[in-house]
Amino acid sequence: MPPRNRNAKSGQFTVPGLSEAKGRRAAELLQQRLVSLLDLGMTLKHVHWNVVGPDFIGVHEMLDPQHAAVQVMVDATAERIATLGSSPNGLPGGIVETRDWDDYDLGRATTLEHLGALDMVYVGVIGDHRAVIDEMEKTDPVSHDMLIGQTGELEQFHWFIRAHLESREGALSTAGETTEQGAAKKARSAKRS
């Protein structure tokens, strides 16, 4: 688990029917998801600004609604943390301090390179959301339900990304990759084949 964010504060209360301990734990789990969603939103905008190539406009325009939806998720997650009696932290220093992944490491790159790297980004965000869903089921059913809805939407966005990386036979050009750079390179190479 990432180090605890110094700026996030737990209150002396939570929602009715939930113990303070469960409220604090739910807020801690949601803070991790908040950091992830904030990072995803910034990454989507970064790609939106830096994608180039023949399929530029389609990818550029596909990412704006994803970014907008992620911003709604950010707000809902932060407000749920506050509802649980804690203080959400969306400050840049808090994001850097608490996340356990590196910055997105592509700048100006082709659509396939960015889509390959975004495949890995979505794998990480969705996988972490699902892991928290499992724990949240026993902690806070309202937060659990919110995360399930977010995950469904994130999975659809991931499908949009993967549709560009999938062959007619259903194979992903990024299969087996675990890094953004590796996935970007594989996606670029697959187009040449």
N, C-alpha and C. Protein backbone atom coordinates (compact mmCIF):
# COMPACT_ATOMS: atom_id res chain seq x y z
N MET A 1 0.84 -1.17 0.00
CA MET A 1 0.00 0.00 0.00
C MET A 1 0.89 1.24 0.00
N PRO A 2 0.51 2.28 -0.79
CA PRO A 2 1.30 3.49 -0.83
C PRO A 2 1.34 4.18 0.53
N PRO A 3 2.35 5.03 0.76
CA PRO A 3 2.41 5.75 2.03
C PRO A 3 1.17 6.61 2.21
N ARG A 4 0.79 6.80 3.43
CA ARG A 4 -0.39 7.62 3.73
C ARG A 4 -0.13 9.08 3.37
N ASN A 5 -1.09 9.70 2.78
CA ASN A 5 -1.00 11.08 2.35
C ASN A 5 -1.13 11.99 3.57
N ARG A 6 -0.12 12.82 3.82
CA ARG A 6 -0.11 13.69 4.99
C ARG A 6 -1.23 14.72 4.98
N ASN A 7 -1.68 15.14 3.81
CA ASN A 7 -2.70 16.17 3.73
C ASN A 7 -4.12 15.63 3.85
N ALA A 8 -4.31 14.32 3.74
CA ALA A 8 -5.63 13.73 3.89
C ALA A 8 -5.90 13.56 5.38
N LYS A 9 -7.02 14.08 5.83
CA LYS A 9 -7.36 14.04 7.25
C LYS A 9 -8.62 13.22 7.44
N SER A 10 -8.62 12.40 8.49
CA SER A 10 -9.82 11.66 8.86
C SER A 10 -10.58 12.46 9.89
N GLY A 11 -11.89 12.49 9.72
CA GLY A 11 -12.73 13.20 10.66
C GLY A 11 -13.04 12.35 11.88
N GLN A 12 -13.84 12.91 12.74
CA GLN A 12 -14.26 12.23 13.96
C GLN A 12 -15.65 11.62 13.78
N PHE A 13 -16.11 11.52 12.55
CA PHE A 13 -17.44 10.98 12.27
C PHE A 13 -17.40 10.27 10.93
N THR A 14 -18.47 9.55 10.65
CA THR A 14 -18.67 8.99 9.32
C THR A 14 -20.17 8.95 9.07
N VAL A 15 -20.60 8.26 8.05
CA VAL A 15 -22.03 8.20 7.73
C VAL A 15 -22.75 7.32 8.74
N PRO A 16 -24.02 7.59 8.98
CA PRO A 16 -24.79 6.76 9.92
C PRO A 16 -24.80 5.29 9.49
N GLY A 17 -24.68 4.41 10.47
CA GLY A 17 -24.73 2.98 10.22
C GLY A 17 -23.39 2.36 9.86
N LEU A 18 -22.35 3.17 9.77
CA LEU A 18 -21.01 2.69 9.44
C LEU A 18 -20.09 3.05 10.60
N SER A 19 -19.33 2.09 11.09
CA SER A 19 -18.42 2.40 12.19
C SER A 19 -17.36 3.40 11.72
N GLU A 20 -16.81 4.16 12.68
CA GLU A 20 -15.75 5.11 12.32
C GLU A 20 -14.56 4.40 11.69
N ALA A 21 -14.23 3.22 12.18
CA ALA A 21 -13.10 2.46 11.62
C ALA A 21 -13.37 2.09 10.17
N LYS A 22 -14.58 1.62 9.89
CA LYS A 22 -14.92 1.27 8.50
C LYS A 22 -14.99 2.52 7.62
N GLY A 23 -15.48 3.61 8.18
CA GLY A 23 -15.52 4.86 7.42
C GLY A 23 -14.13 5.35 7.07
N ARG A 24 -13.21 5.27 8.04
CA ARG A 24 -11.82 5.67 7.78
C ARG A 24 -11.19 4.75 6.73
N ARG A 25 -11.42 3.43 6.85
CA ARG A 25 -10.83 2.50 5.89
C ARG A 25 -11.39 2.73 4.50
N ALA A 26 -12.70 2.94 4.40
CA ALA A 26 -13.30 3.21 3.09
C ALA A 26 -12.70 4.48 2.49
N ALA A 27 -12.52 5.52 3.31
CA ALA A 27 -11.94 6.78 2.81
C ALA A 27 -10.49 6.57 2.36
N GLU A 28 -9.72 5.76 3.09
CA GLU A 28 -8.34 5.46 2.68
C GLU A 28 -8.32 4.76 1.32
N LEU A 29 -9.19 3.78 1.16
CA LEU A 29 -9.25 3.05 -0.11
C LEU A 29 -9.68 3.99 -1.24
N LEU A 30 -10.64 4.84 -0.96
CA LEU A 30 -11.11 5.78 -1.98
C LEU A 30 -10.05 6.82 -2.31
N GLN A 31 -9.23 7.21 -1.34
CA GLN A 31 -8.15 8.16 -1.61
C GLN A 31 -7.17 7.57 -2.63
N GLN A 32 -6.90 6.28 -2.50
CA GLN A 32 -6.03 5.61 -3.49
C GLN A 32 -6.66 5.68 -4.88
N ARG A 33 -7.97 5.44 -4.95
CA ARG A 33 -8.68 5.48 -6.24
C ARG A 33 -8.73 6.92 -6.76
N LEU A 34 -8.87 7.90 -5.87
CA LEU A 34 -8.87 9.30 -6.29
C LEU A 34 -7.56 9.66 -6.95
N VAL A 35 -6.46 9.27 -6.34
CA VAL A 35 -5.14 9.55 -6.92
C VAL A 35 -5.02 8.91 -8.29
N SER A 36 -5.46 7.68 -8.41
CA SER A 36 -5.39 6.97 -9.68
C SER A 36 -6.25 7.65 -10.75
N LEU A 37 -7.44 8.07 -10.39
CA LEU A 37 -8.33 8.72 -11.35
C LEU A 37 -7.80 10.11 -11.75
N LEU A 38 -7.26 10.85 -10.80
CA LEU A 38 -6.66 12.14 -11.14
C LEU A 38 -5.51 11.95 -12.14
N ASP A 39 -4.68 10.96 -11.88
CA ASP A 39 -3.55 10.67 -12.75
C ASP A 39 -4.05 10.24 -14.14
N LEU A 40 -5.07 9.39 -14.17
CA LEU A 40 -5.64 8.95 -15.46
C LEU A 40 -6.17 10.14 -16.24
N GLY A 41 -6.89 11.04 -15.57
CA GLY A 41 -7.43 12.20 -16.27
C GLY A 41 -6.34 13.06 -16.89
N MET A 42 -5.28 13.30 -16.14
CA MET A 42 -4.17 14.09 -16.67
C MET A 42 -3.47 13.37 -17.81
N THR A 43 -3.35 12.06 -17.69
CA THR A 43 -2.71 11.27 -18.76
C THR A 43 -3.53 11.31 -20.03
N LEU A 44 -4.84 11.19 -19.91
CA LEU A 44 -5.70 11.25 -21.10
C LEU A 44 -5.56 12.59 -21.80
N LYS A 45 -5.51 13.68 -21.05
CA LYS A 45 -5.33 15.00 -21.67
C LYS A 45 -3.94 15.11 -22.31
N HIS A 46 -2.92 14.58 -21.64
CA HIS A 46 -1.57 14.60 -22.19
C HIS A 46 -1.54 13.88 -23.55
N VAL A 47 -2.15 12.71 -23.61
CA VAL A 47 -2.19 11.96 -24.88
C VAL A 47 -2.98 12.76 -25.91
N HIS A 48 -4.12 13.30 -25.53
CA HIS A 48 -4.96 14.11 -26.41
C HIS A 48 -4.15 15.22 -27.09
N TRP A 49 -3.24 15.83 -26.34
CA TRP A 49 -2.43 16.93 -26.88
C TRP A 49 -1.21 16.45 -27.68
N ASN A 50 -0.76 15.22 -27.45
CA ASN A 50 0.52 14.77 -28.01
C ASN A 50 0.42 13.66 -29.04
N VAL A 51 -0.78 13.24 -29.37
CA VAL A 51 -0.94 12.17 -30.35
C VAL A 51 -0.81 12.74 -31.76
N VAL A 52 -0.12 11.99 -32.63
CA VAL A 52 0.08 12.41 -34.03
C VAL A 52 -0.12 11.20 -34.94
N GLY A 53 -0.25 11.48 -36.22
CA GLY A 53 -0.33 10.41 -37.20
C GLY A 53 -1.64 10.42 -37.96
N PRO A 54 -1.77 9.47 -38.91
CA PRO A 54 -2.94 9.46 -39.80
C PRO A 54 -4.28 9.32 -39.06
N ASP A 55 -4.30 8.65 -37.93
CA ASP A 55 -5.55 8.45 -37.18
C ASP A 55 -5.71 9.48 -36.07
N PHE A 56 -4.95 10.57 -36.17
CA PHE A 56 -4.93 11.59 -35.12
C PHE A 56 -6.33 12.03 -34.68
N ILE A 57 -7.14 12.50 -35.61
CA ILE A 57 -8.39 13.15 -35.22
C ILE A 57 -9.34 12.18 -34.52
N GLY A 58 -9.40 10.95 -34.97
CA GLY A 58 -10.27 9.97 -34.32
C GLY A 58 -9.87 9.70 -32.88
N VAL A 59 -8.58 9.53 -32.64
CA VAL A 59 -8.09 9.27 -31.28
C VAL A 59 -8.19 10.54 -30.44
N HIS A 60 -7.80 11.67 -31.00
CA HIS A 60 -7.88 12.96 -30.31
C HIS A 60 -9.31 13.19 -29.80
N GLU A 61 -10.29 12.98 -30.65
CA GLU A 61 -11.68 13.22 -30.27
C GLU A 61 -12.25 12.11 -29.39
N MET A 62 -11.75 10.90 -29.48
CA MET A 62 -12.19 9.80 -28.63
C MET A 62 -11.81 10.06 -27.17
N LEU A 63 -10.69 10.72 -26.95
CA LEU A 63 -10.17 10.89 -25.59
C LEU A 63 -10.89 11.97 -24.79
N ASP A 64 -11.47 12.97 -25.44
CA ASP A 64 -12.16 14.03 -24.69
C ASP A 64 -13.32 13.52 -23.85
N PRO A 65 -14.23 12.71 -24.40
CA PRO A 65 -15.31 12.19 -23.56
C PRO A 65 -14.80 11.28 -22.44
N GLN A 66 -13.72 10.56 -22.69
CA GLN A 66 -13.14 9.73 -21.63
C GLN A 66 -12.63 10.62 -20.50
N HIS A 67 -11.92 11.68 -20.87
CA HIS A 67 -11.41 12.62 -19.87
C HIS A 67 -12.56 13.23 -19.07
N ALA A 68 -13.61 13.66 -19.76
CA ALA A 68 -14.75 14.28 -19.08
C ALA A 68 -15.40 13.30 -18.10
N ALA A 69 -15.56 12.06 -18.51
CA ALA A 69 -16.16 11.05 -17.63
C ALA A 69 -15.27 10.76 -16.43
N VAL A 70 -13.97 10.71 -16.64
CA VAL A 70 -13.05 10.47 -15.53
C VAL A 70 -13.11 11.64 -14.55
N GLN A 71 -13.27 12.87 -15.05
CA GLN A 71 -13.39 14.02 -14.15
C GLN A 71 -14.64 13.91 -13.28
N VAL A 72 -15.73 13.37 -13.83
CA VAL A 72 -16.94 13.13 -13.03
C VAL A 72 -16.65 12.09 -11.95
N MET A 73 -15.90 11.04 -12.31
CA MET A 73 -15.52 10.02 -11.34
C MET A 73 -14.65 10.61 -10.23
N VAL A 74 -13.73 11.49 -10.60
CA VAL A 74 -12.87 12.16 -9.62
C VAL A 74 -13.73 12.90 -8.61
N ASP A 75 -14.66 13.70 -9.11
CA ASP A 75 -15.51 14.50 -8.23
C ASP A 75 -16.35 13.60 -7.32
N ALA A 76 -16.94 12.55 -7.87
CA ALA A 76 -17.77 11.64 -7.07
C ALA A 76 -16.94 10.96 -5.99
N THR A 77 -15.74 10.56 -6.34
CA THR A 77 -14.86 9.88 -5.38
C THR A 77 -14.44 10.83 -4.26
N ALA A 78 -14.04 12.04 -4.62
CA ALA A 78 -13.63 13.03 -3.61
C ALA A 78 -14.80 13.38 -2.69
N GLU A 79 -15.97 13.55 -3.28
CA GLU A 79 -17.13 13.89 -2.46
C GLU A 79 -17.55 12.73 -1.56
N ARG A 80 -17.33 11.50 -2.01
CA ARG A 80 -17.64 10.35 -1.14
C ARG A 80 -16.67 10.32 0.04
N ILE A 81 -15.40 10.62 -0.21
CA ILE A 81 -14.41 10.68 0.88
C ILE A 81 -14.86 11.71 1.92
N ALA A 82 -15.29 12.88 1.45
CA ALA A 82 -15.75 13.92 2.36
C ALA A 82 -17.01 13.48 3.10
N THR A 83 -17.91 12.81 2.41
CA THR A 83 -19.14 12.31 3.03
C THR A 83 -18.82 11.33 4.15
N LEU A 84 -17.75 10.56 3.97
CA LEU A 84 -17.34 9.58 4.98
C LEU A 84 -16.63 10.24 6.16
N GLY A 85 -16.46 11.55 6.11
CA GLY A 85 -15.86 12.28 7.23
C GLY A 85 -14.37 12.53 7.11
N SER A 86 -13.81 12.25 5.95
CA SER A 86 -12.38 12.48 5.74
C SER A 86 -12.18 13.61 4.75
N SER A 87 -10.94 14.00 4.58
CA SER A 87 -10.59 15.10 3.69
C SER A 87 -9.90 14.56 2.45
N PRO A 88 -10.54 14.66 1.27
CA PRO A 88 -9.88 14.19 0.05
C PRO A 88 -8.71 15.09 -0.30
N ASN A 89 -7.65 14.49 -0.84
CA ASN A 89 -6.49 15.27 -1.26
C ASN A 89 -6.26 15.06 -2.74
N GLY A 90 -6.47 16.12 -3.51
CA GLY A 90 -6.21 16.07 -4.94
C GLY A 90 -5.08 17.00 -5.34
N LEU A 91 -4.26 17.39 -4.38
CA LEU A 91 -3.14 18.28 -4.68
C LEU A 91 -2.02 17.53 -5.42
N PRO A 92 -1.30 18.22 -6.32
CA PRO A 92 -0.24 17.55 -7.07
C PRO A 92 0.78 16.83 -6.19
N GLY A 93 1.19 17.46 -5.10
CA GLY A 93 2.15 16.81 -4.20
C GLY A 93 1.59 15.55 -3.58
N GLY A 94 0.30 15.57 -3.26
CA GLY A 94 -0.34 14.39 -2.70
C GLY A 94 -0.41 13.25 -3.68
N ILE A 95 -0.64 13.58 -4.94
CA ILE A 95 -0.68 12.55 -5.97
C ILE A 95 0.69 11.89 -6.09
N VAL A 96 1.72 12.71 -6.22
CA VAL A 96 3.08 12.18 -6.38
C VAL A 96 3.51 11.39 -5.15
N GLU A 97 3.16 11.87 -3.97
CA GLU A 97 3.56 11.22 -2.73
C GLU A 97 2.93 9.84 -2.54
N THR A 98 1.68 9.70 -2.96
CA THR A 98 0.96 8.47 -2.64
C THR A 98 0.89 7.44 -3.75
N ARG A 99 1.16 7.84 -4.97
CA ARG A 99 1.04 6.84 -6.04
C ARG A 99 2.24 5.90 -6.03
N ASP A 100 2.02 4.70 -6.57
CA ASP A 100 3.10 3.71 -6.60
C ASP A 100 3.44 3.31 -8.03
N TRP A 101 3.23 4.20 -8.97
CA TRP A 101 3.58 3.96 -10.37
C TRP A 101 4.33 5.18 -10.90
N ASP A 102 5.02 4.98 -12.01
CA ASP A 102 5.78 6.07 -12.62
C ASP A 102 4.88 6.93 -13.49
N ASP A 103 5.39 8.13 -13.83
CA ASP A 103 4.69 8.99 -14.78
C ASP A 103 4.54 8.28 -16.11
N TYR A 104 3.50 8.65 -16.83
CA TYR A 104 3.33 8.23 -18.21
C TYR A 104 4.55 8.73 -18.97
N ASP A 105 5.19 7.86 -19.73
CA ASP A 105 6.49 8.26 -20.27
C ASP A 105 6.57 8.43 -21.79
N LEU A 106 5.43 8.68 -22.43
CA LEU A 106 5.46 9.02 -23.85
C LEU A 106 5.12 10.49 -24.01
N GLY A 107 5.84 11.15 -24.89
CA GLY A 107 5.51 12.52 -25.25
C GLY A 107 4.80 12.50 -26.59
N ARG A 108 5.32 13.23 -27.54
CA ARG A 108 4.75 13.23 -28.88
C ARG A 108 4.99 11.85 -29.48
N ALA A 109 3.91 11.18 -29.87
CA ALA A 109 4.01 9.82 -30.42
C ALA A 109 2.80 9.54 -31.30
N THR A 110 2.91 8.48 -32.08
CA THR A 110 1.83 8.12 -33.00
C THR A 110 0.62 7.59 -32.23
N THR A 111 -0.49 7.55 -32.94
CA THR A 111 -1.72 7.05 -32.32
C THR A 111 -1.52 5.64 -31.79
N LEU A 112 -0.91 4.76 -32.56
CA LEU A 112 -0.73 3.38 -32.10
C LEU A 112 0.18 3.29 -30.88
N GLU A 113 1.23 4.10 -30.86
CA GLU A 113 2.11 4.09 -29.69
C GLU A 113 1.36 4.53 -28.44
N HIS A 114 0.63 5.63 -28.55
CA HIS A 114 -0.13 6.10 -27.38
C HIS A 114 -1.22 5.12 -26.99
N LEU A 115 -1.90 4.54 -27.96
CA LEU A 115 -2.95 3.58 -27.62
C LEU A 115 -2.37 2.33 -26.96
N GLY A 116 -1.20 1.89 -27.42
CA GLY A 116 -0.53 0.76 -26.77
C GLY A 116 -0.19 1.08 -25.33
N ALA A 117 0.34 2.27 -25.10
CA ALA A 117 0.69 2.68 -23.73
C ALA A 117 -0.57 2.87 -22.89
N LEU A 118 -1.63 3.46 -23.47
CA LEU A 118 -2.88 3.62 -22.72
C LEU A 118 -3.50 2.29 -22.35
N ASP A 119 -3.29 1.28 -23.18
CA ASP A 119 -3.76 -0.06 -22.83
C ASP A 119 -3.19 -0.46 -21.47
N MET A 120 -1.90 -0.22 -21.26
CA MET A 120 -1.26 -0.57 -19.99
C MET A 120 -1.78 0.31 -18.84
N VAL A 121 -2.04 1.58 -19.13
CA VAL A 121 -2.57 2.49 -18.11
C VAL A 121 -3.93 1.98 -17.64
N TYR A 122 -4.80 1.66 -18.59
CA TYR A 122 -6.13 1.16 -18.22
C TYR A 122 -6.06 -0.19 -17.50
N VAL A 123 -5.14 -1.06 -17.91
CA VAL A 123 -4.98 -2.33 -17.20
C VAL A 123 -4.70 -2.06 -15.72
N GLY A 124 -3.80 -1.12 -15.44
CA GLY A 124 -3.45 -0.80 -14.06
C GLY A 124 -4.60 -0.19 -13.28
N VAL A 125 -5.26 0.80 -13.86
CA VAL A 125 -6.34 1.49 -13.16
C VAL A 125 -7.50 0.53 -12.89
N ILE A 126 -7.89 -0.22 -13.90
CA ILE A 126 -9.02 -1.14 -13.74
C ILE A 126 -8.67 -2.26 -12.76
N GLY A 127 -7.48 -2.80 -12.87
CA GLY A 127 -7.06 -3.87 -11.95
C GLY A 127 -7.08 -3.39 -10.50
N ASP A 128 -6.60 -2.17 -10.26
CA ASP A 128 -6.60 -1.62 -8.90
C ASP A 128 -8.02 -1.32 -8.44
N HIS A 129 -8.87 -0.81 -9.32
CA HIS A 129 -10.27 -0.57 -8.96
C HIS A 129 -10.92 -1.90 -8.53
N ARG A 130 -10.69 -2.94 -9.32
CA ARG A 130 -11.30 -4.23 -8.99
C ARG A 130 -10.79 -4.78 -7.66
N ALA A 131 -9.52 -4.59 -7.37
CA ALA A 131 -8.98 -5.05 -6.09
C ALA A 131 -9.64 -4.31 -4.92
N VAL A 132 -9.87 -3.02 -5.07
CA VAL A 132 -10.52 -2.25 -4.02
C VAL A 132 -12.00 -2.62 -3.91
N ILE A 133 -12.63 -2.93 -5.02
CA ILE A 133 -14.03 -3.38 -4.98
C ILE A 133 -14.16 -4.58 -4.07
N ASP A 134 -13.24 -5.52 -4.18
CA ASP A 134 -13.30 -6.72 -3.34
C ASP A 134 -13.27 -6.37 -1.86
N GLU A 135 -12.36 -5.48 -1.46
CA GLU A 135 -12.28 -5.10 -0.05
C GLU A 135 -13.46 -4.21 0.35
N MET A 136 -13.88 -3.33 -0.54
CA MET A 136 -14.94 -2.38 -0.21
C MET A 136 -16.28 -3.08 0.02
N GLU A 137 -16.45 -4.25 -0.57
CA GLU A 137 -17.70 -4.99 -0.38
C GLU A 137 -17.96 -5.25 1.11
N LYS A 138 -16.89 -5.47 1.87
CA LYS A 138 -17.02 -5.75 3.30
C LYS A 138 -16.94 -4.47 4.14
N THR A 139 -16.56 -3.36 3.53
CA THR A 139 -16.31 -2.12 4.26
C THR A 139 -17.47 -1.13 4.15
N ASP A 140 -17.86 -0.80 2.92
CA ASP A 140 -18.90 0.21 2.70
C ASP A 140 -19.65 -0.09 1.41
N PRO A 141 -20.89 -0.57 1.49
CA PRO A 141 -21.63 -0.95 0.29
C PRO A 141 -21.93 0.21 -0.66
N VAL A 142 -22.07 1.43 -0.15
CA VAL A 142 -22.35 2.57 -1.03
C VAL A 142 -21.11 2.89 -1.88
N SER A 143 -19.94 2.93 -1.25
CA SER A 143 -18.70 3.16 -2.00
C SER A 143 -18.44 1.99 -2.95
N HIS A 144 -18.76 0.79 -2.51
CA HIS A 144 -18.62 -0.42 -3.33
C HIS A 144 -19.41 -0.25 -4.63
N ASP A 145 -20.67 0.18 -4.50
CA ASP A 145 -21.53 0.36 -5.66
C ASP A 145 -20.98 1.43 -6.60
N MET A 146 -20.48 2.54 -6.03
CA MET A 146 -19.91 3.61 -6.85
C MET A 146 -18.72 3.10 -7.66
N LEU A 147 -17.86 2.33 -7.02
CA LEU A 147 -16.67 1.80 -7.71
C LEU A 147 -17.04 0.80 -8.79
N ILE A 148 -18.08 0.02 -8.57
CA ILE A 148 -18.53 -0.92 -9.61
C ILE A 148 -18.98 -0.15 -10.84
N GLY A 149 -19.75 0.92 -10.64
CA GLY A 149 -20.19 1.73 -11.78
C GLY A 149 -19.02 2.36 -12.51
N GLN A 150 -18.06 2.88 -11.76
CA GLN A 150 -16.88 3.48 -12.39
C GLN A 150 -16.11 2.45 -13.19
N THR A 151 -15.96 1.27 -12.62
CA THR A 151 -15.18 0.22 -13.29
C THR A 151 -15.84 -0.19 -14.61
N GLY A 152 -17.15 -0.29 -14.62
CA GLY A 152 -17.84 -0.62 -15.87
C GLY A 152 -17.56 0.41 -16.95
N GLU A 153 -17.58 1.68 -16.58
CA GLU A 153 -17.31 2.74 -17.55
C GLU A 153 -15.85 2.71 -17.99
N LEU A 154 -14.92 2.51 -17.05
CA LEU A 154 -13.51 2.43 -17.40
C LEU A 154 -13.24 1.24 -18.32
N GLU A 155 -13.91 0.13 -18.07
CA GLU A 155 -13.73 -1.05 -18.93
C GLU A 155 -14.22 -0.78 -20.35
N GLN A 156 -15.30 0.00 -20.48
CA GLN A 156 -15.76 0.35 -21.82
C GLN A 156 -14.73 1.25 -22.53
N PHE A 157 -14.16 2.21 -21.81
CA PHE A 157 -13.13 3.06 -22.40
C PHE A 157 -11.92 2.23 -22.82
N HIS A 158 -11.58 1.26 -22.00
CA HIS A 158 -10.46 0.37 -22.32
C HIS A 158 -10.76 -0.41 -23.60
N TRP A 159 -11.98 -0.85 -23.74
CA TRP A 159 -12.39 -1.55 -24.96
C TRP A 159 -12.20 -0.65 -26.18
N PHE A 160 -12.56 0.64 -26.06
CA PHE A 160 -12.37 1.58 -27.17
C PHE A 160 -10.90 1.66 -27.56
N ILE A 161 -10.01 1.69 -26.56
CA ILE A 161 -8.57 1.74 -26.81
C ILE A 161 -8.13 0.44 -27.49
N ARG A 162 -8.54 -0.68 -26.91
CA ARG A 162 -8.10 -1.98 -27.42
C ARG A 162 -8.63 -2.30 -28.81
N ALA A 163 -9.77 -1.72 -29.18
CA ALA A 163 -10.31 -1.96 -30.53
C ALA A 163 -9.32 -1.53 -31.60
N HIS A 164 -8.50 -0.54 -31.29
CA HIS A 164 -7.47 -0.08 -32.24
C HIS A 164 -6.26 -1.01 -32.27
N LEU A 165 -6.12 -1.82 -31.24
CA LEU A 165 -4.94 -2.68 -31.09
C LEU A 165 -5.23 -4.14 -31.40
N GLU A 166 -6.47 -4.43 -31.71
CA GLU A 166 -6.92 -5.81 -31.89
C GLU A 166 -6.89 -6.21 -33.37
N SER A 167 -6.45 -7.43 -33.61
CA SER A 167 -6.47 -7.96 -34.97
C SER A 167 -7.85 -8.52 -35.29
N ARG A 168 -8.06 -8.82 -36.51
CA ARG A 168 -9.32 -9.42 -36.95
C ARG A 168 -9.59 -10.74 -36.22
N GLU A 169 -8.51 -11.43 -35.85
CA GLU A 169 -8.63 -12.72 -35.16
C GLU A 169 -8.84 -12.55 -33.65
N GLY A 170 -8.76 -11.33 -33.16
CA GLY A 170 -8.98 -11.08 -31.74
C GLY A 170 -7.72 -11.02 -30.90
N ALA A 171 -6.55 -10.97 -31.52
CA ALA A 171 -5.30 -10.88 -30.78
C ALA A 171 -4.94 -9.41 -30.56
N LEU A 172 -4.43 -9.11 -29.38
CA LEU A 172 -3.99 -7.75 -29.08
C LEU A 172 -2.52 -7.58 -29.47
N SER A 173 -2.22 -6.47 -30.10
CA SER A 173 -0.82 -6.21 -30.47
C SER A 173 0.05 -6.00 -29.24
N THR A 174 -0.55 -5.67 -28.09
CA THR A 174 0.20 -5.42 -26.86
C THR A 174 0.28 -6.64 -25.96
N ALA A 175 -0.20 -7.77 -26.43
CA ALA A 175 -0.25 -8.98 -25.60
C ALA A 175 1.12 -9.31 -25.00
N GLY A 176 1.12 -9.59 -23.70
CA GLY A 176 2.34 -9.98 -23.02
C GLY A 176 3.17 -8.83 -22.50
N GLU A 177 2.84 -7.61 -22.89
CA GLU A 177 3.61 -6.45 -22.42
C GLU A 177 3.13 -6.01 -21.04
N THR A 178 4.05 -5.46 -20.27
CA THR A 178 3.71 -4.99 -18.93
C THR A 178 4.13 -3.54 -18.71
N THR A 179 4.78 -2.94 -19.69
CA THR A 179 5.21 -1.54 -19.55
C THR A 179 4.61 -0.71 -20.67
N GLU A 180 4.45 0.57 -20.40
CA GLU A 180 3.92 1.47 -21.42
C GLU A 180 4.83 1.53 -22.64
N GLN A 181 6.14 1.66 -22.41
CA GLN A 181 7.09 1.74 -23.52
C GLN A 181 7.07 0.46 -24.35
N GLY A 182 7.05 -0.68 -23.68
CA GLY A 182 7.02 -1.96 -24.39
C GLY A 182 5.75 -2.12 -25.20
N ALA A 183 4.61 -1.74 -24.62
CA ALA A 183 3.34 -1.83 -25.33
C ALA A 183 3.30 -0.87 -26.51
N ALA A 184 3.84 0.34 -26.32
CA ALA A 184 3.88 1.32 -27.41
C ALA A 184 4.71 0.79 -28.58
N LYS A 185 5.85 0.22 -28.26
CA LYS A 185 6.74 -0.32 -29.31
C LYS A 185 6.08 -1.50 -30.04
N LYS A 186 5.45 -2.38 -29.26
CA LYS A 186 4.78 -3.54 -29.87
C LYS A 186 3.61 -3.11 -30.76
N ALA A 187 2.84 -2.13 -30.30
CA ALA A 187 1.71 -1.64 -31.09
C ALA A 187 2.19 -1.01 -32.39
N ARG A 188 3.27 -0.24 -32.32
CA ARG A 188 3.85 0.39 -33.51
C ARG A 188 4.36 -0.66 -34.49
N SER A 189 5.03 -1.68 -33.98
CA SER A 189 5.60 -2.74 -34.82
C SER A 189 4.53 -3.59 -35.47
N ALA A 190 3.44 -3.84 -34.76
CA ALA A 190 2.37 -4.69 -35.29
C ALA A 190 1.72 -4.04 -36.51
N LYS A 191 1.66 -2.74 -36.54
CA LYS A 191 1.04 -2.04 -37.68
C LYS A 191 1.86 -2.25 -38.94
N ARG A 192 3.18 -2.37 -38.78
CA ARG A 192 4.05 -2.58 -39.95
C ARG A 192 3.94 -3.97 -40.50
N SER A 193 3.54 -4.92 -39.66
CA SER A 193 3.50 -6.32 -40.09
C SER A 193 2.36 -6.60 -41.04
